[in-house]
Amino acid sequence: MSLFLAWPKKTQEDLDGKIVSLFEEIEEKPSFEADRVGKVSEDQIRPVKVPLRNCETVRQLLLRAKELKTTTAHRKVYISPDRSPEERTKHRQLVDPRTLR
């Protein structure tokens, strides 16, 4: 299982430090390795993929992610699960407001 995080990249980026800080904010301490994915672009935010070993850890992090909105340092960080293409399509259909009419 993996998580995707999104926040702007700065010139001198300490990716691991940022993620440790984020996990400490929601009182979790999983082991991880993180990398940015996608094409390098100045005008787009490249997501950070954080593979985790345990599905339960991913679930706990996703449940506690809403707590980040109350912090100033991580207010704009978005956390989402790593989904397969089929799962992304189903999720998109569920949250698309045009399908709710």
N, C-alpha and C. Protein backbone atom coordinates (compact mmCIF):
# COMPACT_ATOMS: atom_id res chain seq x y z
N MET A 1 0.84 -1.19 0.00
CA MET A 1 0.00 0.00 0.00
C MET A 1 0.88 1.24 0.00
N SER A 2 0.37 2.27 -0.63
CA SER A 2 1.10 3.53 -0.71
C SER A 2 0.16 4.70 -0.47
N LEU A 3 0.75 5.81 -0.14
CA LEU A 3 0.04 7.08 -0.04
C LEU A 3 0.65 8.05 -1.02
N PHE A 4 -0.15 9.00 -1.47
CA PHE A 4 0.37 10.10 -2.26
C PHE A 4 0.15 11.38 -1.47
N LEU A 5 1.19 12.18 -1.40
CA LEU A 5 1.14 13.48 -0.75
C LEU A 5 1.43 14.54 -1.80
N ALA A 6 0.84 15.69 -1.64
CA ALA A 6 1.12 16.76 -2.58
C ALA A 6 1.36 18.06 -1.83
N TRP A 7 2.51 18.66 -2.06
CA TRP A 7 2.81 20.01 -1.60
C TRP A 7 3.91 20.57 -2.48
N PRO A 8 3.98 21.90 -2.57
CA PRO A 8 4.95 22.52 -3.49
C PRO A 8 6.39 22.16 -3.15
N LYS A 9 7.19 22.05 -4.19
CA LYS A 9 8.61 21.76 -4.03
C LYS A 9 9.37 23.06 -3.91
N LYS A 10 10.31 23.07 -2.99
CA LYS A 10 11.18 24.24 -2.84
C LYS A 10 12.56 23.85 -3.37
N THR A 11 13.41 24.83 -3.61
CA THR A 11 14.70 24.56 -4.21
C THR A 11 15.54 23.61 -3.36
N GLN A 12 15.65 23.86 -2.08
CA GLN A 12 16.37 22.96 -1.18
C GLN A 12 15.33 22.16 -0.41
N GLU A 13 15.05 20.99 -0.90
CA GLU A 13 13.96 20.20 -0.32
C GLU A 13 14.49 19.07 0.54
N ASP A 14 13.99 19.00 1.76
CA ASP A 14 14.27 17.88 2.65
C ASP A 14 13.00 17.06 2.73
N LEU A 15 12.79 16.20 1.74
CA LEU A 15 11.55 15.45 1.60
C LEU A 15 11.30 14.56 2.81
N ASP A 16 12.31 13.81 3.24
CA ASP A 16 12.14 12.92 4.39
C ASP A 16 11.80 13.71 5.65
N GLY A 17 12.45 14.84 5.85
CA GLY A 17 12.17 15.68 7.01
C GLY A 17 10.75 16.20 7.02
N LYS A 18 10.25 16.60 5.86
CA LYS A 18 8.88 17.08 5.75
C LYS A 18 7.89 15.98 6.10
N ILE A 19 8.15 14.78 5.60
CA ILE A 19 7.22 13.67 5.84
C ILE A 19 7.25 13.24 7.30
N VAL A 20 8.44 13.21 7.90
CA VAL A 20 8.53 12.88 9.33
C VAL A 20 7.75 13.91 10.14
N SER A 21 7.88 15.17 9.81
CA SER A 21 7.16 16.23 10.50
C SER A 21 5.65 16.05 10.35
N LEU A 22 5.21 15.72 9.16
CA LEU A 22 3.79 15.50 8.89
C LEU A 22 3.28 14.31 9.71
N PHE A 23 4.01 13.20 9.72
CA PHE A 23 3.58 12.03 10.48
C PHE A 23 3.57 12.30 11.98
N GLU A 24 4.53 13.09 12.46
CA GLU A 24 4.54 13.45 13.88
C GLU A 24 3.32 14.28 14.25
N GLU A 25 2.89 15.11 13.33
CA GLU A 25 1.73 15.96 13.57
C GLU A 25 0.47 15.13 13.81
N ILE A 26 0.36 13.99 13.15
CA ILE A 26 -0.81 13.12 13.35
C ILE A 26 -0.47 11.90 14.22
N GLU A 27 0.65 12.00 14.91
CA GLU A 27 1.07 11.02 15.90
C GLU A 27 1.23 9.61 15.34
N GLU A 28 1.87 9.50 14.20
CA GLU A 28 2.20 8.21 13.59
C GLU A 28 3.69 8.21 13.28
N LYS A 29 4.33 7.04 13.32
CA LYS A 29 5.75 6.95 13.04
C LYS A 29 6.08 5.71 12.20
N PRO A 30 5.51 5.60 11.00
CA PRO A 30 5.84 4.44 10.18
C PRO A 30 7.19 4.61 9.50
N SER A 31 7.82 3.50 9.13
CA SER A 31 9.04 3.59 8.33
C SER A 31 8.62 3.74 6.88
N PHE A 32 9.38 4.50 6.11
CA PHE A 32 8.98 4.79 4.73
C PHE A 32 10.19 5.17 3.89
N GLU A 33 9.98 5.16 2.60
CA GLU A 33 10.89 5.73 1.61
C GLU A 33 10.02 6.55 0.68
N ALA A 34 10.41 7.76 0.39
CA ALA A 34 9.56 8.64 -0.40
C ALA A 34 10.31 9.17 -1.61
N ASP A 35 9.57 9.33 -2.71
CA ASP A 35 10.11 9.91 -3.94
C ASP A 35 9.03 10.71 -4.64
N ARG A 36 9.44 11.78 -5.28
CA ARG A 36 8.51 12.53 -6.12
C ARG A 36 8.30 11.75 -7.42
N VAL A 37 7.09 11.84 -7.96
CA VAL A 37 6.77 11.15 -9.21
C VAL A 37 6.29 12.16 -10.24
N GLY A 38 6.33 11.80 -11.49
CA GLY A 38 5.88 12.67 -12.57
C GLY A 38 7.02 13.46 -13.19
N LYS A 39 6.65 14.18 -14.24
CA LYS A 39 7.63 14.99 -14.96
C LYS A 39 7.97 16.25 -14.17
N VAL A 40 9.23 16.64 -14.23
CA VAL A 40 9.67 17.86 -13.57
C VAL A 40 9.10 19.06 -14.32
N SER A 41 8.41 19.92 -13.58
CA SER A 41 7.79 21.09 -14.16
C SER A 41 7.76 22.19 -13.11
N GLU A 42 8.03 23.42 -13.52
CA GLU A 42 8.04 24.54 -12.59
C GLU A 42 6.63 24.97 -12.19
N ASP A 43 5.64 24.74 -13.06
CA ASP A 43 4.29 25.25 -12.80
C ASP A 43 3.33 24.21 -12.24
N GLN A 44 3.78 22.97 -12.05
CA GLN A 44 2.91 21.94 -11.49
C GLN A 44 3.52 21.34 -10.23
N ILE A 45 2.66 20.91 -9.33
CA ILE A 45 3.10 20.23 -8.12
C ILE A 45 3.24 18.75 -8.44
N ARG A 46 4.43 18.22 -8.20
CA ARG A 46 4.65 16.79 -8.39
C ARG A 46 4.31 16.05 -7.10
N PRO A 47 3.44 15.04 -7.17
CA PRO A 47 3.10 14.30 -5.96
C PRO A 47 4.29 13.51 -5.42
N VAL A 48 4.20 13.19 -4.14
CA VAL A 48 5.22 12.40 -3.47
C VAL A 48 4.59 11.04 -3.16
N LYS A 49 5.21 9.97 -3.63
CA LYS A 49 4.71 8.63 -3.35
C LYS A 49 5.43 8.09 -2.12
N VAL A 50 4.65 7.65 -1.14
CA VAL A 50 5.20 7.12 0.11
C VAL A 50 4.71 5.68 0.28
N PRO A 51 5.51 4.70 -0.16
CA PRO A 51 5.10 3.31 0.05
C PRO A 51 5.26 2.91 1.52
N LEU A 52 4.25 2.25 2.04
CA LEU A 52 4.27 1.78 3.42
C LEU A 52 4.07 0.26 3.42
N ARG A 53 4.58 -0.40 4.44
CA ARG A 53 4.56 -1.86 4.48
C ARG A 53 3.23 -2.45 4.94
N ASN A 54 2.47 -1.67 5.69
CA ASN A 54 1.30 -2.22 6.35
C ASN A 54 0.04 -1.49 5.89
N CYS A 55 -0.98 -2.23 5.47
CA CYS A 55 -2.24 -1.63 5.03
C CYS A 55 -2.95 -0.92 6.19
N GLU A 56 -2.82 -1.46 7.38
CA GLU A 56 -3.45 -0.85 8.55
C GLU A 56 -2.83 0.52 8.85
N THR A 57 -1.53 0.66 8.64
CA THR A 57 -0.87 1.96 8.84
C THR A 57 -1.41 2.98 7.85
N VAL A 58 -1.58 2.57 6.60
CA VAL A 58 -2.14 3.46 5.58
C VAL A 58 -3.54 3.89 6.00
N ARG A 59 -4.34 2.96 6.44
CA ARG A 59 -5.71 3.28 6.85
C ARG A 59 -5.72 4.27 8.01
N GLN A 60 -4.86 4.05 9.00
CA GLN A 60 -4.78 4.95 10.15
C GLN A 60 -4.34 6.36 9.73
N LEU A 61 -3.36 6.42 8.83
CA LEU A 61 -2.89 7.73 8.36
C LEU A 61 -3.99 8.47 7.61
N LEU A 62 -4.74 7.75 6.79
CA LEU A 62 -5.83 8.38 6.04
C LEU A 62 -6.94 8.86 6.98
N LEU A 63 -7.21 8.10 8.03
CA LEU A 63 -8.23 8.52 9.00
C LEU A 63 -7.80 9.77 9.76
N ARG A 64 -6.52 9.90 10.03
CA ARG A 64 -6.03 11.04 10.82
C ARG A 64 -5.62 12.23 9.94
N ALA A 65 -5.67 12.07 8.64
CA ALA A 65 -5.22 13.14 7.74
C ALA A 65 -6.04 14.41 7.90
N LYS A 66 -7.30 14.30 8.26
CA LYS A 66 -8.13 15.50 8.42
C LYS A 66 -7.62 16.41 9.54
N GLU A 67 -6.86 15.84 10.47
CA GLU A 67 -6.29 16.64 11.56
C GLU A 67 -5.26 17.64 11.04
N LEU A 68 -4.71 17.39 9.87
CA LEU A 68 -3.69 18.29 9.31
C LEU A 68 -4.27 19.64 8.92
N LYS A 69 -5.57 19.70 8.65
CA LYS A 69 -6.18 20.96 8.23
C LYS A 69 -6.16 22.00 9.33
N THR A 70 -5.97 21.57 10.57
CA THR A 70 -5.95 22.51 11.69
C THR A 70 -4.54 23.04 11.97
N THR A 71 -3.52 22.50 11.30
CA THR A 71 -2.16 22.95 11.51
C THR A 71 -1.77 23.99 10.47
N THR A 72 -0.85 24.85 10.81
CA THR A 72 -0.42 25.86 9.84
C THR A 72 0.61 25.29 8.86
N ALA A 73 1.47 24.40 9.32
CA ALA A 73 2.54 23.89 8.47
C ALA A 73 2.05 22.91 7.41
N HIS A 74 0.98 22.18 7.70
CA HIS A 74 0.53 21.14 6.78
C HIS A 74 -0.91 21.36 6.30
N ARG A 75 -1.40 22.56 6.41
CA ARG A 75 -2.78 22.85 6.04
C ARG A 75 -3.08 22.54 4.58
N LYS A 76 -2.12 22.77 3.70
CA LYS A 76 -2.36 22.59 2.27
C LYS A 76 -1.85 21.27 1.72
N VAL A 77 -1.45 20.37 2.59
CA VAL A 77 -0.97 19.06 2.15
C VAL A 77 -2.17 18.16 1.90
N TYR A 78 -2.15 17.49 0.77
CA TYR A 78 -3.23 16.59 0.41
C TYR A 78 -2.71 15.16 0.48
N ILE A 79 -3.44 14.28 1.17
CA ILE A 79 -3.06 12.88 1.29
C ILE A 79 -4.14 12.03 0.66
N SER A 80 -3.75 11.12 -0.21
CA SER A 80 -4.71 10.22 -0.82
C SER A 80 -4.09 8.83 -0.97
N PRO A 81 -4.93 7.80 -1.03
CA PRO A 81 -4.40 6.46 -1.20
C PRO A 81 -3.93 6.23 -2.63
N ASP A 82 -3.03 5.30 -2.80
CA ASP A 82 -2.59 4.89 -4.13
C ASP A 82 -3.65 3.94 -4.67
N ARG A 83 -4.30 4.34 -5.75
CA ARG A 83 -5.38 3.54 -6.32
C ARG A 83 -4.98 3.00 -7.69
N SER A 84 -5.53 1.85 -8.03
CA SER A 84 -5.34 1.28 -9.36
C SER A 84 -6.18 2.11 -10.35
N PRO A 85 -5.95 1.97 -11.66
CA PRO A 85 -6.77 2.72 -12.63
C PRO A 85 -8.27 2.44 -12.48
N GLU A 86 -8.62 1.20 -12.19
CA GLU A 86 -10.04 0.86 -12.02
C GLU A 86 -10.60 1.53 -10.77
N GLU A 87 -9.82 1.52 -9.69
CA GLU A 87 -10.26 2.16 -8.46
C GLU A 87 -10.40 3.67 -8.64
N ARG A 88 -9.48 4.28 -9.41
CA ARG A 88 -9.57 5.72 -9.68
C ARG A 88 -10.84 6.05 -10.45
N THR A 89 -11.19 5.23 -11.43
CA THR A 89 -12.39 5.45 -12.22
C THR A 89 -13.64 5.36 -11.34
N LYS A 90 -13.71 4.33 -10.50
CA LYS A 90 -14.86 4.19 -9.60
C LYS A 90 -14.95 5.36 -8.63
N HIS A 91 -13.82 5.78 -8.07
CA HIS A 91 -13.81 6.90 -7.13
C HIS A 91 -14.23 8.18 -7.82
N ARG A 92 -13.75 8.40 -9.03
CA ARG A 92 -14.11 9.60 -9.79
C ARG A 92 -15.61 9.65 -10.03
N GLN A 93 -16.22 8.49 -10.35
CA GLN A 93 -17.66 8.43 -10.57
C GLN A 93 -18.43 8.72 -9.29
N LEU A 94 -17.88 8.29 -8.16
CA LEU A 94 -18.55 8.53 -6.88
C LEU A 94 -18.54 9.99 -6.46
N VAL A 95 -17.44 10.68 -6.73
CA VAL A 95 -17.32 12.07 -6.26
C VAL A 95 -17.65 13.11 -7.32
N ASP A 96 -17.91 12.70 -8.54
CA ASP A 96 -18.23 13.66 -9.61
C ASP A 96 -19.64 14.23 -9.37
N PRO A 97 -19.75 15.54 -9.18
CA PRO A 97 -21.05 16.13 -8.89
C PRO A 97 -22.05 15.96 -10.03
N ARG A 98 -21.60 15.80 -11.24
CA ARG A 98 -22.51 15.62 -12.37
C ARG A 98 -23.25 14.30 -12.30
N THR A 99 -22.66 13.29 -11.64
CA THR A 99 -23.32 11.99 -11.54
C THR A 99 -24.30 11.96 -10.38
N LEU A 100 -24.30 12.98 -9.51
CA LEU A 100 -25.18 13.00 -8.36
C LEU A 100 -26.55 13.61 -8.66
N ARG A 101 -26.75 14.17 -9.84
CA ARG A 101 -28.02 14.83 -10.18
C ARG A 101 -29.13 13.85 -10.36
